[in-house]
Amino acid sequence: MEKNEKIKVNRENIAKHLLEYQLSMVGKTMLILIDDPYYKFNITMTRGQLAQFKEYSIPLLQKVFHFNKKKAEDTFAFFRKEFGLRIKN
């Protein structure tokens, strides 16, 4: 598969995609997970980045799972609790 080729986000890979997206927002990659099992405590994001991440994630969750907005927001909240980065400001 070419590096520039986009992978379609679906039910099987959406969690990985959102995690990669979140990490890329703060200049990190998935490789950090191998080196730092406490990444979500050691890496932080700003409130602005969180708002941007949420703005991206909610519509994507709605599209992939055919959720209404409330269900997508609840799913995003669960994702943030399990995989989200700390807020630094």
N, C-alpha and C. Protein backbone atom coordinates (compact mmCIF):
# COMPACT_ATOMS: atom_id res chain seq x y z
N MET A 1 0.84 -1.17 0.00
CA MET A 1 0.00 0.00 0.00
C MET A 1 0.89 1.25 0.00
N GLU A 2 0.58 2.20 -0.82
CA GLU A 2 1.33 3.44 -0.91
C GLU A 2 1.14 4.26 0.35
N LYS A 3 2.15 5.01 0.71
CA LYS A 3 2.09 5.84 1.91
C LYS A 3 1.04 6.94 1.77
N ASN A 4 0.87 7.48 0.58
CA ASN A 4 -0.07 8.57 0.35
C ASN A 4 -1.51 8.08 0.20
N GLU A 5 -1.70 6.79 0.07
CA GLU A 5 -3.02 6.22 -0.12
C GLU A 5 -3.82 6.32 1.18
N LYS A 6 -5.02 6.87 1.08
CA LYS A 6 -5.87 7.01 2.27
C LYS A 6 -6.55 5.70 2.59
N ILE A 7 -6.58 5.39 3.88
CA ILE A 7 -7.27 4.20 4.35
C ILE A 7 -8.67 4.62 4.77
N LYS A 8 -9.66 3.89 4.32
CA LYS A 8 -11.03 4.22 4.67
C LYS A 8 -11.28 3.88 6.14
N VAL A 9 -11.78 4.85 6.87
CA VAL A 9 -12.09 4.65 8.28
C VAL A 9 -13.39 3.88 8.37
N ASN A 10 -13.37 2.79 9.14
CA ASN A 10 -14.56 1.98 9.32
C ASN A 10 -14.66 1.53 10.78
N ARG A 11 -15.62 0.69 11.08
CA ARG A 11 -15.85 0.23 12.45
C ARG A 11 -14.64 -0.50 13.04
N GLU A 12 -13.88 -1.15 12.20
CA GLU A 12 -12.75 -1.94 12.68
C GLU A 12 -11.53 -1.10 13.01
N ASN A 13 -11.37 0.05 12.36
CA ASN A 13 -10.15 0.81 12.56
C ASN A 13 -10.37 2.23 13.10
N ILE A 14 -11.58 2.57 13.49
CA ILE A 14 -11.85 3.94 13.91
C ILE A 14 -11.12 4.31 15.21
N ALA A 15 -11.02 3.39 16.16
CA ALA A 15 -10.33 3.69 17.42
C ALA A 15 -8.85 4.00 17.15
N LYS A 16 -8.23 3.19 16.32
CA LYS A 16 -6.83 3.42 15.96
C LYS A 16 -6.68 4.75 15.23
N HIS A 17 -7.60 5.02 14.32
CA HIS A 17 -7.55 6.26 13.56
C HIS A 17 -7.67 7.48 14.49
N LEU A 18 -8.63 7.44 15.42
CA LEU A 18 -8.80 8.56 16.34
C LEU A 18 -7.59 8.73 17.25
N LEU A 19 -7.01 7.63 17.69
CA LEU A 19 -5.82 7.71 18.53
C LEU A 19 -4.65 8.32 17.75
N GLU A 20 -4.46 7.87 16.51
CA GLU A 20 -3.40 8.43 15.67
C GLU A 20 -3.64 9.92 15.40
N TYR A 21 -4.88 10.28 15.16
CA TYR A 21 -5.23 11.68 14.89
C TYR A 21 -4.92 12.54 16.11
N GLN A 22 -5.34 12.06 17.28
CA GLN A 22 -5.11 12.78 18.53
C GLN A 22 -3.61 12.98 18.77
N LEU A 23 -2.84 11.91 18.61
CA LEU A 23 -1.39 12.01 18.81
C LEU A 23 -0.73 12.94 17.79
N SER A 24 -1.20 12.90 16.56
CA SER A 24 -0.61 13.75 15.52
C SER A 24 -0.87 15.23 15.82
N MET A 25 -1.95 15.53 16.52
CA MET A 25 -2.26 16.91 16.87
C MET A 25 -1.20 17.50 17.81
N VAL A 26 -0.55 16.64 18.58
CA VAL A 26 0.47 17.11 19.52
C VAL A 26 1.89 16.73 19.06
N GLY A 27 1.99 16.32 17.79
CA GLY A 27 3.30 16.04 17.22
C GLY A 27 3.89 14.70 17.62
N LYS A 28 3.06 13.74 17.96
CA LYS A 28 3.53 12.41 18.36
C LYS A 28 3.01 11.37 17.38
N THR A 29 3.56 10.15 17.47
CA THR A 29 3.11 9.04 16.63
C THR A 29 2.75 7.85 17.50
N MET A 30 2.23 6.82 16.88
CA MET A 30 1.85 5.61 17.61
C MET A 30 3.07 4.92 18.23
N LEU A 31 4.26 5.20 17.72
CA LEU A 31 5.47 4.59 18.28
C LEU A 31 5.68 4.99 19.74
N ILE A 32 5.13 6.12 20.14
CA ILE A 32 5.27 6.56 21.53
C ILE A 32 4.60 5.56 22.47
N LEU A 33 3.59 4.85 21.99
CA LEU A 33 2.88 3.89 22.84
C LEU A 33 3.78 2.72 23.22
N ILE A 34 4.71 2.38 22.36
CA ILE A 34 5.64 1.29 22.64
C ILE A 34 6.63 1.70 23.71
N ASP A 35 7.13 2.93 23.59
CA ASP A 35 8.15 3.42 24.51
C ASP A 35 7.60 3.94 25.83
N ASP A 36 6.36 4.38 25.84
CA ASP A 36 5.81 5.02 27.03
C ASP A 36 4.40 4.51 27.32
N PRO A 37 4.28 3.48 28.17
CA PRO A 37 2.96 2.95 28.48
C PRO A 37 2.07 3.96 29.23
N TYR A 38 2.67 5.01 29.77
CA TYR A 38 1.91 6.04 30.49
C TYR A 38 1.75 7.30 29.64
N TYR A 39 1.69 7.10 28.31
CA TYR A 39 1.64 8.22 27.38
C TYR A 39 0.51 9.19 27.69
N LYS A 40 -0.65 8.69 28.09
CA LYS A 40 -1.77 9.60 28.26
C LYS A 40 -1.62 10.48 29.50
N PHE A 41 -0.67 10.17 30.35
CA PHE A 41 -0.37 11.03 31.49
C PHE A 41 0.82 11.94 31.20
N ASN A 42 1.72 11.49 30.33
CA ASN A 42 2.95 12.22 30.04
C ASN A 42 2.82 13.19 28.87
N ILE A 43 1.84 13.00 28.02
CA ILE A 43 1.63 13.86 26.87
C ILE A 43 0.34 14.64 27.12
N THR A 44 0.39 15.93 26.84
CA THR A 44 -0.80 16.76 27.07
C THR A 44 -1.22 17.46 25.80
N MET A 45 -2.45 17.93 25.81
CA MET A 45 -2.96 18.75 24.72
C MET A 45 -3.67 19.96 25.33
N THR A 46 -3.89 20.98 24.54
CA THR A 46 -4.56 22.18 25.02
C THR A 46 -6.07 22.02 24.89
N ARG A 47 -6.80 22.91 25.54
CA ARG A 47 -8.26 22.90 25.41
C ARG A 47 -8.68 23.16 23.96
N GLY A 48 -7.93 24.02 23.29
CA GLY A 48 -8.20 24.30 21.88
C GLY A 48 -8.03 23.07 21.01
N GLN A 49 -6.97 22.30 21.28
CA GLN A 49 -6.74 21.06 20.54
C GLN A 49 -7.85 20.06 20.84
N LEU A 50 -8.28 20.01 22.09
CA LEU A 50 -9.38 19.10 22.45
C LEU A 50 -10.65 19.48 21.70
N ALA A 51 -10.95 20.77 21.63
CA ALA A 51 -12.14 21.22 20.90
C ALA A 51 -12.04 20.84 19.43
N GLN A 52 -10.85 21.02 18.86
CA GLN A 52 -10.64 20.66 17.45
C GLN A 52 -10.79 19.14 17.26
N PHE A 53 -10.25 18.37 18.19
CA PHE A 53 -10.35 16.91 18.12
C PHE A 53 -11.81 16.46 18.22
N LYS A 54 -12.53 17.07 19.12
CA LYS A 54 -13.95 16.74 19.29
C LYS A 54 -14.74 17.11 18.03
N GLU A 55 -14.44 18.28 17.47
CA GLU A 55 -15.09 18.75 16.25
C GLU A 55 -14.87 17.77 15.09
N TYR A 56 -13.71 17.16 15.05
CA TYR A 56 -13.39 16.18 14.01
C TYR A 56 -14.05 14.83 14.31
N SER A 57 -14.02 14.41 15.56
CA SER A 57 -14.42 13.06 15.94
C SER A 57 -15.92 12.81 15.91
N ILE A 58 -16.72 13.75 16.42
CA ILE A 58 -18.17 13.54 16.52
C ILE A 58 -18.80 13.25 15.16
N PRO A 59 -18.57 14.10 14.14
CA PRO A 59 -19.15 13.78 12.82
C PRO A 59 -18.63 12.47 12.24
N LEU A 60 -17.36 12.16 12.50
CA LEU A 60 -16.81 10.90 11.99
C LEU A 60 -17.50 9.70 12.65
N LEU A 61 -17.71 9.77 13.96
CA LEU A 61 -18.42 8.70 14.66
C LEU A 61 -19.85 8.57 14.14
N GLN A 62 -20.50 9.70 13.89
CA GLN A 62 -21.86 9.67 13.36
C GLN A 62 -21.89 8.98 11.98
N LYS A 63 -20.92 9.30 11.16
CA LYS A 63 -20.87 8.74 9.82
C LYS A 63 -20.58 7.24 9.84
N VAL A 64 -19.56 6.85 10.59
CA VAL A 64 -19.13 5.45 10.57
C VAL A 64 -20.16 4.52 11.22
N PHE A 65 -20.71 4.95 12.35
CA PHE A 65 -21.64 4.08 13.09
C PHE A 65 -23.11 4.41 12.84
N HIS A 66 -23.38 5.44 12.07
CA HIS A 66 -24.76 5.90 11.83
C HIS A 66 -25.43 6.27 13.16
N PHE A 67 -24.68 6.94 14.02
CA PHE A 67 -25.16 7.39 15.32
C PHE A 67 -25.86 8.73 15.18
N ASN A 68 -26.78 9.00 16.14
CA ASN A 68 -27.24 10.37 16.27
C ASN A 68 -26.18 11.14 17.04
N LYS A 69 -26.33 12.45 17.15
CA LYS A 69 -25.29 13.28 17.76
C LYS A 69 -25.05 12.91 19.22
N LYS A 70 -26.09 12.65 19.98
CA LYS A 70 -25.96 12.31 21.40
C LYS A 70 -25.15 11.03 21.59
N LYS A 71 -25.44 10.02 20.81
CA LYS A 71 -24.72 8.75 20.90
C LYS A 71 -23.25 8.94 20.50
N ALA A 72 -23.00 9.75 19.48
CA ALA A 72 -21.63 10.03 19.06
C ALA A 72 -20.88 10.78 20.16
N GLU A 73 -21.54 11.73 20.83
CA GLU A 73 -20.91 12.45 21.93
C GLU A 73 -20.60 11.53 23.10
N ASP A 74 -21.51 10.61 23.40
CA ASP A 74 -21.27 9.64 24.48
C ASP A 74 -20.10 8.72 24.13
N THR A 75 -20.03 8.29 22.90
CA THR A 75 -18.94 7.43 22.45
C THR A 75 -17.62 8.17 22.49
N PHE A 76 -17.63 9.44 22.10
CA PHE A 76 -16.43 10.26 22.17
C PHE A 76 -15.98 10.41 23.63
N ALA A 77 -16.93 10.62 24.53
CA ALA A 77 -16.60 10.76 25.95
C ALA A 77 -15.94 9.47 26.47
N PHE A 78 -16.45 8.33 26.06
CA PHE A 78 -15.85 7.05 26.45
C PHE A 78 -14.43 6.94 25.89
N PHE A 79 -14.27 7.28 24.62
CA PHE A 79 -12.94 7.23 24.00
C PHE A 79 -11.97 8.13 24.76
N ARG A 80 -12.40 9.35 25.08
CA ARG A 80 -11.54 10.28 25.81
C ARG A 80 -11.15 9.74 27.18
N LYS A 81 -12.10 9.10 27.84
CA LYS A 81 -11.81 8.55 29.17
C LYS A 81 -10.78 7.43 29.09
N GLU A 82 -10.88 6.61 28.08
CA GLU A 82 -9.99 5.46 27.94
C GLU A 82 -8.66 5.80 27.28
N PHE A 83 -8.67 6.67 26.28
CA PHE A 83 -7.47 6.90 25.46
C PHE A 83 -7.06 8.36 25.35
N GLY A 84 -7.81 9.25 25.97
CA GLY A 84 -7.57 10.68 25.81
C GLY A 84 -6.34 11.18 26.55
N LEU A 85 -5.77 12.22 26.01
CA LEU A 85 -4.62 12.88 26.62
C LEU A 85 -5.10 13.88 27.67
N ARG A 86 -4.23 14.17 28.63
CA ARG A 86 -4.57 15.17 29.65
C ARG A 86 -4.57 16.56 29.03
N ILE A 87 -5.34 17.45 29.64
CA ILE A 87 -5.40 18.84 29.21
C ILE A 87 -4.42 19.64 30.06
N LYS A 88 -3.59 20.47 29.42
CA LYS A 88 -2.57 21.20 30.18
C LYS A 88 -2.97 22.60 30.56
N ASN A 89 -4.05 23.14 30.03
CA ASN A 89 -4.47 24.48 30.44
C ASN A 89 -5.95 24.58 30.62
